PDB file of all heavy atoms in Angstrom:
ATOM      1  N   ASP A   1       1.599 -22.559 -12.228  1.00  0.00           N
ATOM      2  CA  ASP A   1       0.293 -22.522 -12.697  1.00  0.00           C
ATOM      3  C   ASP A   1       0.013 -21.126 -13.510  1.00  0.00           C
ATOM      4  O   ASP A   1      -0.843 -20.240 -13.148  1.00  0.00           O
ATOM      5  CB  ASP A   1      -0.883 -22.644 -11.602  1.00  0.00           C
ATOM      6  CG  ASP A   1      -1.271 -24.085 -11.503  1.00  0.00           C
ATOM      7  OD1 ASP A   1      -1.783 -24.621 -12.573  1.00  0.00           O
ATOM      8  OD2 ASP A   1      -1.108 -24.609 -10.420  1.00  0.00           O
ATOM      9  N   SER A   2       0.736 -20.952 -14.613  1.00  0.00           N
ATOM     10  CA  SER A   2       0.952 -19.669 -15.208  1.00  0.00           C
ATOM     11  C   SER A   2      -0.323 -19.137 -15.780  1.00  0.00           C
ATOM     12  O   SER A   2      -0.381 -17.933 -15.918  1.00  0.00           O
ATOM     13  CB  SER A   2       2.028 -19.827 -16.359  1.00  0.00           C
ATOM     14  OG  SER A   2       3.180 -20.344 -15.868  1.00  0.00           O
ATOM     15  N   ALA A   3      -1.199 -19.901 -16.114  1.00  0.00           N
ATOM     16  CA  ALA A   3      -2.472 -19.395 -16.854  1.00  0.00           C
ATOM     17  C   ALA A   3      -3.697 -19.148 -15.974  1.00  0.00           C
ATOM     18  O   ALA A   3      -4.725 -19.036 -16.495  1.00  0.00           O
ATOM     19  CB  ALA A   3      -2.850 -20.502 -17.923  1.00  0.00           C
ATOM     20  N   THR A   4      -3.464 -18.990 -14.757  1.00  0.00           N
ATOM     21  CA  THR A   4      -4.538 -18.874 -13.797  1.00  0.00           C
ATOM     22  C   THR A   4      -5.020 -17.360 -13.412  1.00  0.00           C
ATOM     23  O   THR A   4      -5.595 -17.222 -12.451  1.00  0.00           O
ATOM     24  CB  THR A   4      -4.329 -19.649 -12.504  1.00  0.00           C
ATOM     25  OG1 THR A   4      -3.041 -19.236 -11.954  1.00  0.00           O
ATOM     26  CG2 THR A   4      -4.308 -21.074 -12.827  1.00  0.00           C
ATOM     27  N   GLN A   5      -4.682 -16.404 -14.342  1.00  0.00           N
ATOM     28  CA  GLN A   5      -5.033 -15.102 -13.999  1.00  0.00           C
ATOM     29  C   GLN A   5      -6.579 -15.029 -13.876  1.00  0.00           C
ATOM     30  O   GLN A   5      -7.191 -14.370 -12.863  1.00  0.00           O
ATOM     31  CB  GLN A   5      -4.593 -14.079 -15.155  1.00  0.00           C
ATOM     32  CG  GLN A   5      -5.060 -12.719 -14.922  1.00  0.00           C
ATOM     33  CD  GLN A   5      -4.804 -11.813 -16.020  1.00  0.00           C
ATOM     34  OE1 GLN A   5      -4.818 -12.296 -17.226  1.00  0.00           O
ATOM     35  NE2 GLN A   5      -4.550 -10.533 -15.774  1.00  0.00           N
ATOM     36  N   TYR A   6      -7.322 -15.622 -14.721  1.00  0.00           N
ATOM     37  CA  TYR A   6      -8.726 -15.908 -14.541  1.00  0.00           C
ATOM     38  C   TYR A   6      -9.090 -17.369 -14.562  1.00  0.00           C
ATOM     39  O   TYR A   6      -8.757 -18.081 -15.535  1.00  0.00           O
ATOM     40  CB  TYR A   6      -9.472 -15.180 -15.853  1.00  0.00           C
ATOM     41  CG  TYR A   6      -9.162 -13.713 -15.949  1.00  0.00           C
ATOM     42  CD1 TYR A   6      -8.350 -13.262 -16.950  1.00  0.00           C
ATOM     43  CD2 TYR A   6      -9.512 -12.776 -14.956  1.00  0.00           C
ATOM     44  CE1 TYR A   6      -8.072 -11.909 -17.089  1.00  0.00           C
ATOM     45  CE2 TYR A   6      -9.253 -11.453 -15.081  1.00  0.00           C
ATOM     46  CZ  TYR A   6      -8.467 -11.077 -16.177  1.00  0.00           C
ATOM     47  OH  TYR A   6      -8.194  -9.668 -16.296  1.00  0.00           O
ATOM     48  N   VAL A   7      -9.693 -17.853 -13.571  1.00  0.00           N
ATOM     49  CA  VAL A   7      -9.947 -19.319 -13.408  1.00  0.00           C
ATOM     50  C   VAL A   7     -11.086 -19.574 -12.554  1.00  0.00           C
ATOM     51  O   VAL A   7     -11.579 -18.729 -11.662  1.00  0.00           O
ATOM     52  CB  VAL A   7      -8.652 -19.885 -12.680  1.00  0.00           C
ATOM     53  CG1 VAL A   7      -8.339 -19.320 -11.356  1.00  0.00           C
ATOM     54  CG2 VAL A   7      -8.639 -21.419 -12.672  1.00  0.00           C
ATOM     55  N   GLN A   8     -11.788 -20.605 -12.756  1.00  0.00           N
ATOM     56  CA  GLN A   8     -12.993 -21.034 -11.903  1.00  0.00           C
ATOM     57  C   GLN A   8     -12.447 -21.230 -10.478  1.00  0.00           C
ATOM     58  O   GLN A   8     -11.246 -21.697 -10.152  1.00  0.00           O
ATOM     59  CB  GLN A   8     -13.478 -22.282 -12.324  1.00  0.00           C
ATOM     60  CG  GLN A   8     -14.112 -22.201 -13.783  1.00  0.00           C
ATOM     61  CD  GLN A   8     -14.536 -23.468 -14.353  1.00  0.00           C
ATOM     62  OE1 GLN A   8     -13.935 -24.619 -14.113  1.00  0.00           O
ATOM     63  NE2 GLN A   8     -15.528 -23.537 -15.324  1.00  0.00           N
ATOM     64  N   LEU A   9     -13.350 -21.046  -9.507  1.00  0.00           N
ATOM     65  CA  LEU A   9     -13.055 -21.168  -8.099  1.00  0.00           C
ATOM     66  C   LEU A   9     -11.756 -20.349  -7.787  1.00  0.00           C
ATOM     67  O   LEU A   9     -10.838 -20.995  -7.141  1.00  0.00           O
ATOM     68  CB  LEU A   9     -13.035 -22.723  -7.629  1.00  0.00           C
ATOM     69  CG  LEU A   9     -14.230 -23.566  -7.960  1.00  0.00           C
ATOM     70  CD1 LEU A   9     -14.037 -25.024  -7.540  1.00  0.00           C
ATOM     71  CD2 LEU A   9     -15.468 -22.948  -7.352  1.00  0.00           C
ATOM     72  N   ALA A  10     -11.736 -19.220  -8.119  1.00  0.00           N
ATOM     73  CA  ALA A  10     -10.537 -18.398  -8.084  1.00  0.00           C
ATOM     74  C   ALA A  10      -9.870 -18.369  -6.755  1.00  0.00           C
ATOM     75  O   ALA A  10      -8.662 -18.278  -6.508  1.00  0.00           O
ATOM     76  CB  ALA A  10     -10.765 -17.073  -8.645  1.00  0.00           C
ATOM     77  N   PHE A  11     -10.699 -18.327  -5.655  1.00  0.00           N
ATOM     78  CA  PHE A  11     -10.188 -18.175  -4.272  1.00  0.00           C
ATOM     79  C   PHE A  11      -9.150 -19.320  -4.032  1.00  0.00           C
ATOM     80  O   PHE A  11      -8.111 -19.103  -3.381  1.00  0.00           O
ATOM     81  CB  PHE A  11     -11.350 -18.291  -3.258  1.00  0.00           C
ATOM     82  CG  PHE A  11     -10.961 -17.984  -1.841  1.00  0.00           C
ATOM     83  CD1 PHE A  11     -10.734 -16.700  -1.366  1.00  0.00           C
ATOM     84  CD2 PHE A  11     -10.610 -19.065  -0.943  1.00  0.00           C
ATOM     85  CE1 PHE A  11     -10.276 -16.497  -0.222  1.00  0.00           C
ATOM     86  CE2 PHE A  11     -10.153 -18.880   0.342  1.00  0.00           C
ATOM     87  CZ  PHE A  11      -9.999 -17.527   0.763  1.00  0.00           C
ATOM     88  N   PHE A  12      -9.484 -20.481  -4.494  1.00  0.00           N
ATOM     89  CA  PHE A  12      -8.541 -21.579  -4.295  1.00  0.00           C
ATOM     90  C   PHE A  12      -7.589 -21.839  -5.533  1.00  0.00           C
ATOM     91  O   PHE A  12      -6.478 -22.389  -5.325  1.00  0.00           O
ATOM     92  CB  PHE A  12      -9.293 -22.938  -4.145  1.00  0.00           C
ATOM     93  CG  PHE A  12     -10.424 -22.813  -3.022  1.00  0.00           C
ATOM     94  CD1 PHE A  12     -11.791 -23.042  -3.307  1.00  0.00           C
ATOM     95  CD2 PHE A  12      -9.978 -22.666  -1.740  1.00  0.00           C
ATOM     96  CE1 PHE A  12     -12.733 -22.980  -2.284  1.00  0.00           C
ATOM     97  CE2 PHE A  12     -10.918 -22.505  -0.780  1.00  0.00           C
ATOM     98  CZ  PHE A  12     -12.299 -22.795  -0.938  1.00  0.00           C
ATOM     99  N   SER A  13      -8.013 -21.507  -6.630  1.00  0.00           N
ATOM    100  CA  SER A  13      -7.207 -21.908  -7.857  1.00  0.00           C
ATOM    101  C   SER A  13      -6.347 -20.689  -8.536  1.00  0.00           C
ATOM    102  O   SER A  13      -5.382 -21.017  -9.334  1.00  0.00           O
ATOM    103  CB  SER A  13      -8.178 -22.348  -8.946  1.00  0.00           C
ATOM    104  OG  SER A  13      -8.961 -23.484  -8.510  1.00  0.00           O
ATOM    105  N   LYS A  14      -6.669 -19.590  -8.179  1.00  0.00           N
ATOM    106  CA  LYS A  14      -5.898 -18.379  -8.823  1.00  0.00           C
ATOM    107  C   LYS A  14      -4.495 -18.365  -8.189  1.00  0.00           C
ATOM    108  O   LYS A  14      -4.250 -18.276  -6.985  1.00  0.00           O
ATOM    109  CB  LYS A  14      -6.584 -17.057  -8.589  1.00  0.00           C
ATOM    110  CG  LYS A  14      -5.892 -15.818  -9.273  1.00  0.00           C
ATOM    111  CD  LYS A  14      -6.752 -14.611  -9.017  1.00  0.00           C
ATOM    112  CE  LYS A  14      -5.955 -13.358  -9.600  1.00  0.00           C
ATOM    113  NZ  LYS A  14      -6.789 -12.185  -9.363  1.00  0.00           N
ATOM    114  N   CYS A  15      -3.542 -18.314  -9.126  1.00  0.00           N
ATOM    115  CA  CYS A  15      -2.104 -18.392  -8.738  1.00  0.00           C
ATOM    116  C   CYS A  15      -1.298 -17.080  -9.303  1.00  0.00           C
ATOM    117  O   CYS A  15      -0.210 -16.895  -8.915  1.00  0.00           O
ATOM    118  CB  CYS A  15      -1.399 -19.579  -9.055  1.00  0.00           C
ATOM    119  SG  CYS A  15      -2.078 -20.995  -8.186  1.00  0.00           S
ATOM    120  N   GLN A  16      -1.864 -16.443 -10.267  1.00  0.00           N
ATOM    121  CA  GLN A  16      -1.198 -15.409 -11.016  1.00  0.00           C
ATOM    122  C   GLN A  16      -2.213 -14.215 -11.176  1.00  0.00           C
ATOM    123  O   GLN A  16      -3.414 -14.354 -11.394  1.00  0.00           O
ATOM    124  CB  GLN A  16      -0.740 -15.848 -12.375  1.00  0.00           C
ATOM    125  CG  GLN A  16       0.273 -16.919 -12.275  1.00  0.00           C
ATOM    126  CD  GLN A  16       1.534 -16.666 -11.457  1.00  0.00           C
ATOM    127  OE1 GLN A  16       1.968 -15.515 -11.311  1.00  0.00           O
ATOM    128  NE2 GLN A  16       2.074 -17.662 -10.854  1.00  0.00           N
ATOM    129  N   ALA A  17      -1.658 -13.041 -11.124  1.00  0.00           N
ATOM    130  CA  ALA A  17      -2.525 -11.821 -11.424  1.00  0.00           C
ATOM    131  C   ALA A  17      -2.136 -11.209 -12.721  1.00  0.00           C
ATOM    132  O   ALA A  17      -2.741 -10.267 -13.286  1.00  0.00           O
ATOM    133  CB  ALA A  17      -2.333 -10.766 -10.409  1.00  0.00           C
ATOM    134  N   LEU A  18      -1.087 -11.634 -13.460  1.00  0.00           N
ATOM    135  CA  LEU A  18      -0.671 -11.204 -14.763  1.00  0.00           C
ATOM    136  C   LEU A  18      -0.945 -12.266 -15.876  1.00  0.00           C
ATOM    137  O   LEU A  18      -1.002 -13.423 -15.587  1.00  0.00           O
ATOM    138  CB  LEU A  18       0.811 -10.988 -14.783  1.00  0.00           C
ATOM    139  CG  LEU A  18       1.431  -9.649 -14.347  1.00  0.00           C
ATOM    140  CD1 LEU A  18       1.114  -9.510 -12.872  1.00  0.00           C
ATOM    141  CD2 LEU A  18       2.902  -9.581 -14.549  1.00  0.00           C
ATOM    142  N   SER A  19      -1.321 -11.776 -16.994  1.00  0.00           N
ATOM    143  CA  SER A  19      -1.541 -12.713 -18.141  1.00  0.00           C
ATOM    144  C   SER A  19      -0.216 -13.286 -18.580  1.00  0.00           C
ATOM    145  O   SER A  19       0.778 -12.857 -18.231  1.00  0.00           O
ATOM    146  CB  SER A  19      -2.302 -11.998 -19.304  1.00  0.00           C
ATOM    147  OG  SER A  19      -1.294 -11.037 -19.845  1.00  0.00           O
ATOM    148  N   ILE A  20      -0.319 -14.244 -19.432  1.00  0.00           N
ATOM    149  CA  ILE A  20       0.899 -14.866 -19.933  1.00  0.00           C
ATOM    150  C   ILE A  20       1.818 -13.821 -20.698  1.00  0.00           C
ATOM    151  O   ILE A  20       2.984 -13.820 -20.517  1.00  0.00           O
ATOM    152  CB  ILE A  20       0.561 -16.052 -21.041  1.00  0.00           C
ATOM    153  CG1 ILE A  20      -0.189 -17.188 -20.306  1.00  0.00           C
ATOM    154  CG2 ILE A  20       1.781 -16.585 -21.745  1.00  0.00           C
ATOM    155  CD1 ILE A  20       0.673 -18.027 -19.376  1.00  0.00           C
ATOM    156  N   GLY A  21       0.994 -13.054 -21.458  1.00  0.00           N
ATOM    157  CA  GLY A  21       1.877 -11.966 -22.123  1.00  0.00           C
ATOM    158  C   GLY A  21       2.441 -11.030 -21.274  1.00  0.00           C
ATOM    159  O   GLY A  21       3.582 -10.569 -21.440  1.00  0.00           O
ATOM    160  N   GLU A  22       1.705 -10.720 -20.068  1.00  0.00           N
ATOM    161  CA  GLU A  22       2.333  -9.681 -19.188  1.00  0.00           C
ATOM    162  C   GLU A  22       3.553 -10.305 -18.424  1.00  0.00           C
ATOM    163  O   GLU A  22       4.421  -9.664 -18.131  1.00  0.00           O
ATOM    164  CB  GLU A  22       1.223  -9.275 -18.234  1.00  0.00           C
ATOM    165  CG  GLU A  22       0.242  -8.295 -18.872  1.00  0.00           C
ATOM    166  CD  GLU A  22      -0.969  -8.026 -17.928  1.00  0.00           C
ATOM    167  OE1 GLU A  22      -1.333  -8.934 -17.163  1.00  0.00           O
ATOM    168  OE2 GLU A  22      -1.632  -6.973 -18.137  1.00  0.00           O
ATOM    169  N   GLN A  23       3.408 -11.727 -18.185  1.00  0.00           N
ATOM    170  CA  GLN A  23       4.415 -12.299 -17.442  1.00  0.00           C
ATOM    171  C   GLN A  23       5.790 -12.333 -18.384  1.00  0.00           C
ATOM    172  O   GLN A  23       6.878 -12.148 -17.874  1.00  0.00           O
ATOM    173  CB  GLN A  23       4.128 -13.760 -17.198  1.00  0.00           C
ATOM    174  CG  GLN A  23       3.007 -13.988 -16.095  1.00  0.00           C
ATOM    175  CD  GLN A  23       2.476 -15.348 -15.994  1.00  0.00           C
ATOM    176  OE1 GLN A  23       3.196 -16.280 -16.239  1.00  0.00           O
ATOM    177  NE2 GLN A  23       1.174 -15.412 -15.758  1.00  0.00           N
ATOM    178  N   LEU A  24       5.652 -12.588 -19.639  1.00  0.00           N
ATOM    179  CA  LEU A  24       6.716 -12.607 -20.534  1.00  0.00           C
ATOM    180  C   LEU A  24       7.375 -11.172 -20.625  1.00  0.00           C
ATOM    181  O   LEU A  24       8.578 -11.027 -20.517  1.00  0.00           O
ATOM    182  CB  LEU A  24       6.374 -13.109 -21.899  1.00  0.00           C
ATOM    183  CG  LEU A  24       5.847 -14.569 -21.956  1.00  0.00           C
ATOM    184  CD1 LEU A  24       5.430 -14.888 -23.340  1.00  0.00           C
ATOM    185  CD2 LEU A  24       7.008 -15.445 -21.460  1.00  0.00           C
ATOM    186  N   ASP A  25       6.558 -10.176 -20.737  1.00  0.00           N
ATOM    187  CA  ASP A  25       7.062  -8.785 -20.837  1.00  0.00           C
ATOM    188  C   ASP A  25       7.770  -8.423 -19.463  1.00  0.00           C
ATOM    189  O   ASP A  25       8.781  -7.716 -19.537  1.00  0.00           O
ATOM    190  CB  ASP A  25       5.842  -7.779 -21.019  1.00  0.00           C
ATOM    191  CG  ASP A  25       5.413  -7.833 -22.440  1.00  0.00           C
ATOM    192  OD1 ASP A  25       6.156  -8.103 -23.331  1.00  0.00           O
ATOM    193  OD2 ASP A  25       4.206  -7.331 -22.616  1.00  0.00           O
ATOM    194  N   ALA A  26       7.238  -9.032 -18.368  1.00  0.00           N
ATOM    195  CA  ALA A  26       7.855  -8.789 -17.079  1.00  0.00           C
ATOM    196  C   ALA A  26       9.254  -9.454 -16.775  1.00  0.00           C
ATOM    197  O   ALA A  26       9.964  -9.095 -15.876  1.00  0.00           O
ATOM    198  CB  ALA A  26       6.967  -9.238 -15.909  1.00  0.00           C
ATOM    199  N   GLY A  27       9.634 -10.456 -17.647  1.00  0.00           N
ATOM    200  CA  GLY A  27      10.854 -11.094 -17.576  1.00  0.00           C
ATOM    201  C   GLY A  27      10.809 -12.533 -17.189  1.00  0.00           C
ATOM    202  O   GLY A  27      11.775 -13.198 -17.197  1.00  0.00           O
ATOM    203  N   PHE A  28       9.582 -13.100 -16.938  1.00  0.00           N
ATOM    204  CA  PHE A  28       9.428 -14.500 -16.564  1.00  0.00           C
ATOM    205  C   PHE A  28       9.655 -15.239 -17.896  1.00  0.00           C
ATOM    206  O   PHE A  28       9.262 -15.009 -18.979  1.00  0.00           O
ATOM    207  CB  PHE A  28       8.087 -14.777 -16.026  1.00  0.00           C
ATOM    208  CG  PHE A  28       7.900 -14.174 -14.616  1.00  0.00           C
ATOM    209  CD1 PHE A  28       7.200 -12.931 -14.560  1.00  0.00           C
ATOM    210  CD2 PHE A  28       8.477 -14.814 -13.612  1.00  0.00           C
ATOM    211  CE1 PHE A  28       6.934 -12.469 -13.280  1.00  0.00           C
ATOM    212  CE2 PHE A  28       8.232 -14.152 -12.334  1.00  0.00           C
ATOM    213  CZ  PHE A  28       7.552 -12.962 -12.175  1.00  0.00           C
ATOM    214  N   ARG A  29      10.542 -16.455 -17.663  1.00  0.00           N
ATOM    215  CA  ARG A  29      10.914 -17.215 -18.884  1.00  0.00           C
ATOM    216  C   ARG A  29      10.628 -18.720 -18.656  1.00  0.00           C
ATOM    217  O   ARG A  29      10.926 -19.524 -19.528  1.00  0.00           O
ATOM    218  CB  ARG A  29      12.437 -16.924 -19.063  1.00  0.00           C
ATOM    219  CG  ARG A  29      12.802 -15.619 -19.496  1.00  0.00           C
ATOM    220  CD  ARG A  29      12.185 -15.230 -20.863  1.00  0.00           C
ATOM    221  NE  ARG A  29      12.458 -13.879 -21.273  1.00  0.00           N
ATOM    222  CZ  ARG A  29      11.642 -12.796 -21.152  1.00  0.00           C
ATOM    223  NH1 ARG A  29      10.429 -13.069 -20.429  1.00  0.00           N
ATOM    224  NH2 ARG A  29      11.960 -11.636 -21.385  1.00  0.00           N
ATOM    225  N   TYR A  30      10.033 -19.015 -17.549  1.00  0.00           N
ATOM    226  CA  TYR A  30       9.661 -20.360 -17.272  1.00  0.00           C
ATOM    227  C   TYR A  30       8.100 -20.362 -17.088  1.00  0.00           C
ATOM    228  O   TYR A  30       7.593 -19.761 -16.247  1.00  0.00           O
ATOM    229  CB  TYR A  30      10.301 -20.935 -15.974  1.00  0.00           C
ATOM    230  CG  TYR A  30       9.807 -22.440 -15.561  1.00  0.00           C
ATOM    231  CD1 TYR A  30      10.764 -23.396 -15.727  1.00  0.00           C
ATOM    232  CD2 TYR A  30       8.616 -22.578 -14.993  1.00  0.00           C
ATOM    233  CE1 TYR A  30      10.223 -24.714 -15.244  1.00  0.00           C
ATOM    234  CE2 TYR A  30       8.202 -23.809 -14.480  1.00  0.00           C
ATOM    235  CZ  TYR A  30       8.996 -24.911 -14.695  1.00  0.00           C
ATOM    236  OH  TYR A  30       8.654 -26.156 -14.268  1.00  0.00           O
ATOM    237  N   LEU A  31       7.413 -21.074 -18.051  1.00  0.00           N
ATOM    238  CA  LEU A  31       5.915 -21.205 -17.808  1.00  0.00           C
ATOM    239  C   LEU A  31       5.514 -22.549 -17.462  1.00  0.00           C
ATOM    240  O   LEU A  31       5.865 -23.557 -18.170  1.00  0.00           O
ATOM    241  CB  LEU A  31       5.298 -20.848 -19.235  1.00  0.00           C
ATOM    242  CG  LEU A  31       5.524 -19.311 -19.629  1.00  0.00           C
ATOM    243  CD1 LEU A  31       4.791 -19.118 -21.069  1.00  0.00           C
ATOM    244  CD2 LEU A  31       5.049 -18.357 -18.594  1.00  0.00           C
ATOM    245  N   ASP A  32       4.715 -22.634 -16.510  1.00  0.00           N
ATOM    246  CA  ASP A  32       4.022 -23.864 -15.919  1.00  0.00           C
ATOM    247  C   ASP A  32       2.730 -24.090 -16.671  1.00  0.00           C
ATOM    248  O   ASP A  32       1.748 -23.413 -16.143  1.00  0.00           O
ATOM    249  CB  ASP A  32       4.048 -23.833 -14.485  1.00  0.00           C
ATOM    250  CG  ASP A  32       3.424 -24.962 -13.799  1.00  0.00           C
ATOM    251  OD1 ASP A  32       3.264 -26.069 -14.531  1.00  0.00           O
ATOM    252  OD2 ASP A  32       2.988 -24.950 -12.653  1.00  0.00           O
ATOM    253  N   ILE A  33       2.639 -24.851 -17.657  1.00  0.00           N
ATOM    254  CA  ILE A  33       1.421 -25.057 -18.543  1.00  0.00           C
ATOM    255  C   ILE A  33       0.723 -26.294 -18.150  1.00  0.00           C
ATOM    256  O   ILE A  33       1.373 -27.414 -18.333  1.00  0.00           O
ATOM    257  CB  ILE A  33       1.849 -25.017 -19.981  1.00  0.00           C
ATOM    258  CG1 ILE A  33       2.478 -23.696 -20.331  1.00  0.00           C
ATOM    259  CG2 ILE A  33       0.510 -25.143 -20.889  1.00  0.00           C
ATOM    260  CD1 ILE A  33       1.768 -22.407 -20.177  1.00  0.00           C
ATOM    261  N   ARG A  34      -0.459 -26.215 -17.604  1.00  0.00           N
ATOM    262  CA  ARG A  34      -1.258 -27.410 -17.217  1.00  0.00           C
ATOM    263  C   ARG A  34      -2.465 -27.494 -18.200  1.00  0.00           C
ATOM    264  O   ARG A  34      -3.338 -26.668 -18.348  1.00  0.00           O
ATOM    265  CB  ARG A  34      -1.762 -27.229 -15.835  1.00  0.00           C
ATOM    266  CG  ARG A  34      -0.748 -26.698 -14.788  1.00  0.00           C
ATOM    267  CD  ARG A  34       0.210 -27.847 -14.395  1.00  0.00           C
ATOM    268  NE  ARG A  34       1.161 -27.338 -13.336  1.00  0.00           N
ATOM    269  CZ  ARG A  34       1.094 -27.506 -12.023  1.00  0.00           C
ATOM    270  NH1 ARG A  34      -0.115 -28.272 -11.581  1.00  0.00           N
ATOM    271  NH2 ARG A  34       1.948 -27.234 -11.159  1.00  0.00           N
ATOM    272  N   LEU A  35      -2.503 -28.671 -18.896  1.00  0.00           N
ATOM    273  CA  LEU A  35      -3.509 -28.848 -19.888  1.00  0.00           C
ATOM    274  C   LEU A  35      -4.484 -29.872 -19.628  1.00  0.00           C
ATOM    275  O   LEU A  35      -4.230 -30.888 -18.867  1.00  0.00           O
ATOM    276  CB  LEU A  35      -2.818 -29.212 -21.254  1.00  0.00           C
ATOM    277  CG  LEU A  35      -1.779 -28.266 -21.858  1.00  0.00           C
ATOM    278  CD1 LEU A  35      -1.223 -28.791 -23.182  1.00  0.00           C
ATOM    279  CD2 LEU A  35      -2.544 -26.990 -22.153  1.00  0.00           C
TER     280      LEU A  35
END
């Protein structure tokens, strides 16, 4: 759930503390994109 740095009902839904750009800079190369 790569895009959940900021998300509604965050207590239940937030799965990341880094933005997509920060994740890529950090070395993550698999993005779970839910549309």
